[in-house]
Every structure is written in C-alpha cells, then in structure tokens.
N, C-alpha and C. Protein backbone atom coordinates (compact mmCIF):
# COMPACT_ATOMS: atom_id res chain seq x y z
N MET A 1 72.82 -87.56 104.58
CA MET A 1 72.92 -88.84 103.95
C MET A 1 74.25 -89.00 103.21
N ALA A 2 74.76 -87.94 102.63
CA ALA A 2 76.03 -88.01 101.92
C ALA A 2 77.16 -88.35 102.89
N ARG A 3 76.99 -87.96 104.13
CA ARG A 3 78.01 -88.24 105.12
C ARG A 3 78.12 -89.74 105.39
N ARG A 4 77.01 -90.43 105.47
CA ARG A 4 77.03 -91.88 105.70
C ARG A 4 77.64 -92.63 104.52
N GLU A 5 77.36 -92.20 103.32
CA GLU A 5 77.91 -92.86 102.15
C GLU A 5 79.42 -92.73 102.10
N GLY A 6 79.96 -91.63 102.55
CA GLY A 6 81.41 -91.44 102.55
C GLY A 6 82.08 -92.17 103.70
N ALA A 7 81.35 -92.47 104.77
CA ALA A 7 81.93 -93.14 105.93
C ALA A 7 82.21 -94.62 105.64
N ARG A 8 81.39 -95.26 104.83
CA ARG A 8 81.57 -96.69 104.56
C ARG A 8 82.90 -96.99 103.86
N PRO A 9 83.27 -96.30 102.78
CA PRO A 9 84.57 -96.58 102.16
C PRO A 9 85.74 -96.29 103.09
N ARG A 10 85.60 -95.26 103.92
CA ARG A 10 86.66 -94.93 104.86
C ARG A 10 86.83 -96.05 105.89
N ARG A 11 85.71 -96.58 106.40
CA ARG A 11 85.75 -97.69 107.34
C ARG A 11 86.39 -98.92 106.70
N THR A 12 86.04 -99.18 105.46
CA THR A 12 86.61 -100.32 104.74
C THR A 12 88.11 -100.15 104.58
N LEU A 13 88.55 -98.95 104.25
CA LEU A 13 89.98 -98.70 104.11
C LEU A 13 90.71 -98.86 105.44
N LEU A 14 90.09 -98.40 106.53
CA LEU A 14 90.71 -98.57 107.84
C LEU A 14 90.84 -100.05 108.20
N TRP A 15 89.82 -100.85 107.93
CA TRP A 15 89.89 -102.29 108.20
C TRP A 15 90.96 -102.95 107.35
N LEU A 16 91.04 -102.60 106.08
CA LEU A 16 92.06 -103.16 105.20
C LEU A 16 93.46 -102.79 105.69
N ALA A 17 93.64 -101.57 106.13
CA ALA A 17 94.93 -101.13 106.65
C ALA A 17 95.29 -101.91 107.92
N ALA A 18 94.31 -102.07 108.82
CA ALA A 18 94.57 -102.81 110.06
C ALA A 18 94.91 -104.27 109.78
N VAL A 19 94.19 -104.90 108.87
CA VAL A 19 94.47 -106.29 108.52
C VAL A 19 95.85 -106.41 107.86
N SER A 20 96.20 -105.46 107.02
CA SER A 20 97.51 -105.48 106.36
C SER A 20 98.64 -105.34 107.37
N VAL A 21 98.50 -104.43 108.31
CA VAL A 21 99.52 -104.24 109.34
C VAL A 21 99.67 -105.51 110.17
N PHE A 22 98.56 -106.13 110.54
CA PHE A 22 98.61 -107.36 111.31
C PHE A 22 99.29 -108.48 110.51
N ALA A 23 98.99 -108.61 109.24
CA ALA A 23 99.59 -109.65 108.40
C ALA A 23 101.10 -109.45 108.29
N VAL A 24 101.53 -108.22 108.09
CA VAL A 24 102.97 -107.94 108.01
C VAL A 24 103.65 -108.26 109.34
N TYR A 25 103.04 -107.89 110.45
CA TYR A 25 103.61 -108.21 111.76
C TYR A 25 103.70 -109.72 111.96
N LEU A 26 102.67 -110.45 111.59
CA LEU A 26 102.65 -111.90 111.77
C LEU A 26 103.77 -112.55 110.97
N ILE A 27 103.96 -112.14 109.73
CA ILE A 27 105.04 -112.69 108.91
C ILE A 27 106.40 -112.36 109.53
N TRP A 28 106.57 -111.13 109.98
CA TRP A 28 107.83 -110.74 110.62
C TRP A 28 108.09 -111.56 111.87
N ALA A 29 107.07 -111.74 112.70
CA ALA A 29 107.22 -112.49 113.96
C ALA A 29 107.57 -113.95 113.69
N LEU A 30 106.96 -114.56 112.70
CA LEU A 30 107.25 -115.96 112.40
C LEU A 30 108.65 -116.12 111.83
N ARG A 31 109.12 -115.17 111.05
CA ARG A 31 110.49 -115.24 110.53
C ARG A 31 111.50 -115.12 111.67
N ALA A 32 111.20 -114.32 112.66
CA ALA A 32 112.10 -114.14 113.79
C ALA A 32 112.21 -115.41 114.62
N GLU A 33 111.23 -116.30 114.54
CA GLU A 33 111.25 -117.54 115.31
C GLU A 33 112.05 -118.65 114.65
N GLU A 34 112.51 -118.43 113.43
CA GLU A 34 113.27 -119.45 112.73
C GLU A 34 114.63 -119.61 113.39
N VAL A 35 114.84 -120.75 114.03
CA VAL A 35 116.07 -121.00 114.77
C VAL A 35 117.16 -121.55 113.86
N PHE A 36 116.78 -122.41 112.93
CA PHE A 36 117.74 -123.01 112.01
C PHE A 36 117.37 -122.65 110.58
N GLN A 37 118.37 -122.28 109.79
CA GLN A 37 118.15 -121.99 108.38
C GLN A 37 118.78 -123.10 107.55
N VAL A 38 118.02 -123.63 106.59
CA VAL A 38 118.54 -124.63 105.67
C VAL A 38 118.88 -123.91 104.37
N THR A 39 120.14 -124.01 103.95
CA THR A 39 120.59 -123.33 102.74
C THR A 39 121.33 -124.32 101.84
N ASN A 40 121.53 -123.91 100.62
CA ASN A 40 122.29 -124.69 99.62
C ASN A 40 121.81 -126.13 99.52
N LYS A 41 120.51 -126.34 99.65
CA LYS A 41 119.98 -127.70 99.58
C LYS A 41 119.85 -128.12 98.13
N LYS A 42 120.14 -129.40 97.87
CA LYS A 42 120.00 -129.90 96.51
C LYS A 42 119.75 -131.40 96.50
N LEU A 43 119.06 -131.81 95.48
CA LEU A 43 118.74 -133.21 95.24
C LEU A 43 119.65 -133.67 94.10
N GLU A 44 120.42 -134.73 94.35
CA GLU A 44 121.36 -135.23 93.35
C GLU A 44 121.02 -136.67 92.98
N TYR A 45 121.11 -136.97 91.71
CA TYR A 45 120.98 -138.34 91.22
C TYR A 45 122.39 -138.82 90.88
N THR A 46 122.88 -139.81 91.62
CA THR A 46 124.22 -140.35 91.38
C THR A 46 124.10 -141.80 90.93
N ASN A 47 125.24 -142.42 90.61
CA ASN A 47 125.26 -143.82 90.21
C ASN A 47 124.83 -144.74 91.35
N THR A 48 125.03 -144.30 92.59
CA THR A 48 124.69 -145.14 93.74
C THR A 48 123.30 -144.87 94.29
N GLY A 49 122.66 -143.78 93.86
CA GLY A 49 121.30 -143.48 94.32
C GLY A 49 121.04 -141.99 94.45
N VAL A 50 119.91 -141.68 95.06
CA VAL A 50 119.47 -140.29 95.25
C VAL A 50 120.04 -139.78 96.57
N ILE A 51 120.57 -138.54 96.53
CA ILE A 51 121.18 -137.93 97.72
C ILE A 51 120.63 -136.51 97.87
N VAL A 52 120.34 -136.12 99.11
CA VAL A 52 120.00 -134.73 99.42
C VAL A 52 121.11 -134.19 100.31
N SER A 53 121.60 -133.01 99.97
CA SER A 53 122.65 -132.39 100.77
C SER A 53 122.31 -130.92 100.96
N GLY A 54 122.98 -130.30 101.91
CA GLY A 54 122.76 -128.89 102.18
C GLY A 54 123.52 -128.43 103.40
N GLU A 55 123.17 -127.26 103.88
CA GLU A 55 123.80 -126.67 105.06
C GLU A 55 122.74 -126.22 106.05
N ILE A 56 123.04 -126.36 107.33
CA ILE A 56 122.18 -125.89 108.42
C ILE A 56 122.93 -124.81 109.17
N ARG A 57 122.30 -123.65 109.33
CA ARG A 57 122.91 -122.58 110.12
C ARG A 57 122.09 -122.38 111.39
N ASN A 58 122.77 -122.39 112.53
CA ASN A 58 122.14 -122.22 113.83
C ASN A 58 122.03 -120.73 114.13
N MET A 59 120.80 -120.22 114.21
CA MET A 59 120.58 -118.81 114.47
C MET A 59 120.31 -118.51 115.95
N ALA A 60 120.37 -119.55 116.80
CA ALA A 60 120.05 -119.38 118.22
C ALA A 60 121.26 -119.74 119.07
N THR A 61 120.99 -120.33 120.22
CA THR A 61 122.05 -120.74 121.13
C THR A 61 122.60 -122.11 120.73
N THR A 62 123.60 -122.56 121.44
CA THR A 62 124.21 -123.85 121.16
C THR A 62 123.18 -124.97 121.23
N ALA A 63 123.22 -125.85 120.25
CA ALA A 63 122.30 -126.99 120.21
C ALA A 63 123.13 -128.27 120.38
N PRO A 64 122.83 -129.05 121.41
CA PRO A 64 123.62 -130.27 121.64
C PRO A 64 123.47 -131.29 120.52
N ALA A 65 122.28 -131.43 119.97
CA ALA A 65 122.06 -132.37 118.86
C ALA A 65 120.87 -131.89 118.03
N VAL A 66 121.01 -132.02 116.73
CA VAL A 66 119.96 -131.63 115.80
C VAL A 66 119.79 -132.78 114.81
N SER A 67 118.55 -133.18 114.58
CA SER A 67 118.27 -134.21 113.59
C SER A 67 117.70 -133.56 112.34
N VAL A 68 118.30 -133.85 111.20
CA VAL A 68 117.81 -133.36 109.92
C VAL A 68 117.05 -134.53 109.29
N GLU A 69 115.74 -134.37 109.18
CA GLU A 69 114.89 -135.44 108.65
C GLU A 69 114.54 -135.12 107.20
N VAL A 70 114.98 -135.97 106.29
CA VAL A 70 114.72 -135.79 104.86
C VAL A 70 113.73 -136.86 104.42
N THR A 71 112.62 -136.43 103.82
CA THR A 71 111.59 -137.34 103.35
C THR A 71 111.47 -137.20 101.84
N PHE A 72 111.46 -138.33 101.14
CA PHE A 72 111.38 -138.37 99.69
C PHE A 72 109.95 -138.70 99.26
N PHE A 73 109.45 -138.04 98.20
CA PHE A 73 108.10 -138.24 97.71
C PHE A 73 108.11 -138.52 96.21
N ASP A 74 107.10 -139.26 95.74
CA ASP A 74 106.95 -139.48 94.30
C ASP A 74 106.07 -138.38 93.70
N ALA A 75 105.76 -138.50 92.41
CA ALA A 75 104.99 -137.46 91.71
C ALA A 75 103.56 -137.34 92.22
N HIS A 76 103.05 -138.35 92.90
CA HIS A 76 101.69 -138.33 93.44
C HIS A 76 101.66 -137.89 94.91
N GLY A 77 102.81 -137.50 95.47
CA GLY A 77 102.86 -137.03 96.84
C GLY A 77 102.97 -138.15 97.87
N ARG A 78 103.18 -139.37 97.42
CA ARG A 78 103.32 -140.49 98.36
C ARG A 78 104.75 -140.57 98.86
N GLN A 79 104.88 -140.85 100.15
CA GLN A 79 106.20 -140.96 100.75
C GLN A 79 106.90 -142.22 100.27
N LEU A 80 108.12 -142.06 99.78
CA LEU A 80 108.91 -143.19 99.30
C LEU A 80 109.89 -143.69 100.35
N SER A 81 110.53 -142.74 101.04
CA SER A 81 111.56 -143.10 102.00
C SER A 81 111.82 -141.91 102.91
N LYS A 82 112.49 -142.19 104.03
CA LYS A 82 112.84 -141.13 104.98
C LYS A 82 114.20 -141.46 105.57
N GLU A 83 115.01 -140.43 105.76
CA GLU A 83 116.31 -140.62 106.39
C GLU A 83 116.55 -139.51 107.39
N VAL A 84 117.24 -139.86 108.47
CA VAL A 84 117.57 -138.90 109.52
C VAL A 84 119.09 -138.79 109.63
N VAL A 85 119.58 -137.56 109.53
CA VAL A 85 121.01 -137.27 109.69
C VAL A 85 121.16 -136.48 110.98
N THR A 86 121.98 -136.95 111.90
CA THR A 86 122.16 -136.27 113.19
C THR A 86 123.42 -135.44 113.17
N LEU A 87 123.27 -134.18 113.56
CA LEU A 87 124.41 -133.27 113.72
C LEU A 87 124.55 -132.97 115.20
N SER A 88 125.75 -133.05 115.73
CA SER A 88 125.92 -132.79 117.16
C SER A 88 126.76 -131.54 117.41
N ASN A 89 126.47 -130.91 118.53
CA ASN A 89 127.17 -129.71 119.01
C ASN A 89 127.25 -128.61 117.95
N LEU A 90 126.09 -128.16 117.53
CA LEU A 90 126.02 -127.06 116.57
C LEU A 90 126.02 -125.75 117.34
N GLU A 91 127.16 -125.07 117.35
CA GLU A 91 127.34 -123.84 118.11
C GLU A 91 126.47 -122.71 117.55
N ALA A 92 126.22 -121.71 118.38
CA ALA A 92 125.45 -120.54 117.96
C ALA A 92 126.16 -119.84 116.81
N GLY A 93 125.43 -119.59 115.72
CA GLY A 93 125.99 -118.92 114.56
C GLY A 93 126.78 -119.83 113.63
N ALA A 94 126.96 -121.08 114.01
CA ALA A 94 127.75 -122.01 113.19
C ALA A 94 126.91 -122.59 112.05
N THR A 95 127.62 -123.04 111.02
CA THR A 95 126.99 -123.70 109.88
C THR A 95 127.60 -125.09 109.75
N ALA A 96 126.73 -126.08 109.55
CA ALA A 96 127.19 -127.46 109.37
C ALA A 96 126.56 -128.01 108.10
N THR A 97 127.29 -128.87 107.42
CA THR A 97 126.76 -129.50 106.21
C THR A 97 126.14 -130.84 106.57
N PHE A 98 125.18 -131.26 105.76
CA PHE A 98 124.58 -132.58 105.92
C PHE A 98 124.45 -133.22 104.55
N ARG A 99 124.41 -134.54 104.56
CA ARG A 99 124.30 -135.32 103.32
C ARG A 99 123.68 -136.66 103.66
N THR A 100 122.62 -137.01 102.96
CA THR A 100 121.99 -138.30 103.21
C THR A 100 122.79 -139.42 102.53
N GLN A 101 122.54 -140.63 102.97
CA GLN A 101 123.13 -141.78 102.32
C GLN A 101 122.42 -142.00 100.98
N PRO A 102 123.11 -142.54 99.99
CA PRO A 102 122.45 -142.80 98.70
C PRO A 102 121.28 -143.77 98.86
N ARG A 103 120.15 -143.43 98.27
CA ARG A 103 118.95 -144.27 98.29
C ARG A 103 118.64 -144.69 96.86
N VAL A 104 118.41 -145.98 96.67
CA VAL A 104 118.05 -146.47 95.34
C VAL A 104 116.55 -146.26 95.14
N LEU A 105 116.20 -145.07 94.67
CA LEU A 105 114.82 -144.68 94.40
C LEU A 105 114.78 -144.14 92.97
N THR A 106 113.87 -144.65 92.18
CA THR A 106 113.86 -144.27 90.77
C THR A 106 112.92 -143.12 90.45
N ASN A 107 111.90 -142.90 91.26
CA ASN A 107 110.89 -141.91 90.89
C ASN A 107 110.72 -140.81 91.94
N VAL A 108 111.81 -140.27 92.45
CA VAL A 108 111.73 -139.17 93.41
C VAL A 108 111.35 -137.90 92.66
N HIS A 109 110.25 -137.31 93.09
CA HIS A 109 109.77 -136.08 92.46
C HIS A 109 110.00 -134.86 93.36
N ASP A 110 109.96 -135.07 94.67
CA ASP A 110 110.09 -133.97 95.62
C ASP A 110 110.65 -134.49 96.93
N TYR A 111 111.03 -133.58 97.81
CA TYR A 111 111.53 -133.96 99.14
C TYR A 111 111.26 -132.82 100.11
N THR A 112 111.26 -133.16 101.40
CA THR A 112 111.14 -132.14 102.44
C THR A 112 112.30 -132.30 103.41
N ILE A 113 112.66 -131.21 104.06
CA ILE A 113 113.69 -131.22 105.10
C ILE A 113 113.08 -130.63 106.35
N TYR A 114 113.14 -131.40 107.43
CA TYR A 114 112.63 -130.95 108.72
C TYR A 114 113.77 -131.00 109.73
N VAL A 115 114.01 -129.89 110.43
CA VAL A 115 115.07 -129.84 111.43
C VAL A 115 114.42 -130.06 112.79
N ASN A 116 114.76 -131.18 113.43
CA ASN A 116 114.17 -131.57 114.70
C ASN A 116 115.20 -131.35 115.81
N THR A 117 114.82 -130.54 116.79
CA THR A 117 115.72 -130.26 117.91
C THR A 117 115.33 -131.02 119.17
N GLY A 118 114.40 -131.94 119.05
CA GLY A 118 113.97 -132.72 120.21
C GLY A 118 112.75 -132.11 120.85
N ARG A 119 112.45 -132.57 122.03
CA ARG A 119 111.26 -132.11 122.75
C ARG A 119 111.41 -130.65 123.19
N ASN A 120 110.27 -129.95 123.20
CA ASN A 120 110.28 -128.58 123.68
C ASN A 120 110.01 -128.58 125.18
N MET A 121 109.91 -127.40 125.77
CA MET A 121 109.72 -127.30 127.22
C MET A 121 108.37 -127.82 127.68
N TYR A 122 107.46 -128.05 126.75
CA TYR A 122 106.14 -128.56 127.09
C TYR A 122 106.07 -130.08 126.96
N GLY A 123 107.16 -130.72 126.54
CA GLY A 123 107.20 -132.15 126.39
C GLY A 123 106.74 -132.65 125.04
N ASN A 124 106.51 -131.74 124.10
CA ASN A 124 106.07 -132.14 122.75
C ASN A 124 107.26 -132.44 121.86
C-alpha cells in the first residue's frame, strides 16, 4: 500500500513536467513565427492631434507591401478611430519607420498596432 501512495505524487510531478515542457515549447514556437517586430512605438499628443509612431523590422523575406493598422481606443475600450499606414518594399532584415497622421481625438486611452501583410496562401 505504501507503494501506491508514493506513486501518485510521482505521477503528478511527471504530468507537471510534461505540461511545463510543452508550454515552453509552444511559447518558443510562437515567438519564432513572428515575422515583423514593432519597436520604439509611442503615442504622442501634439498641437495638431494624437500621433502613433514606431519602427517595423522585417524578420523574414522581402515583403512587397505591409500595412500598419493603428486603432485608437478610449478608457472604456471603445474604438475611436483607425488609420492604416502602408510601407512598401520592406527588405529582409530591414527596419522602416511609420507615423500616423495627426488625429483630433481628446480621450485616447490606448491603441493597438497590427501589421497586415495581405492574404495568406489559404486566401484568408
């Protein structure tokens, strides 16, 4: 009977180890899929309006066109505005800067940046 009692904690530890290894692998695999890195991003309040700027680094092959979609949100999470900045011919390993046009928005609380490379091979 003592043998069975000792087997349960060992089984639990083996399951925890297996789940941990899988979680680490999943995080590593998803990071490896990141084709574009957005760096030095910032939200600026100017006299002419709100501006988002930053840099995009291409970690893959040459991209003929990339759309940087910036969406502005208020404190309640409601979308206030959206702007698309198109960058063309972003070479492999290259970094390009982007900057939105000034938007007259008074209550911007947050924003998101989405890098759109167009349709994938499945048509999505």
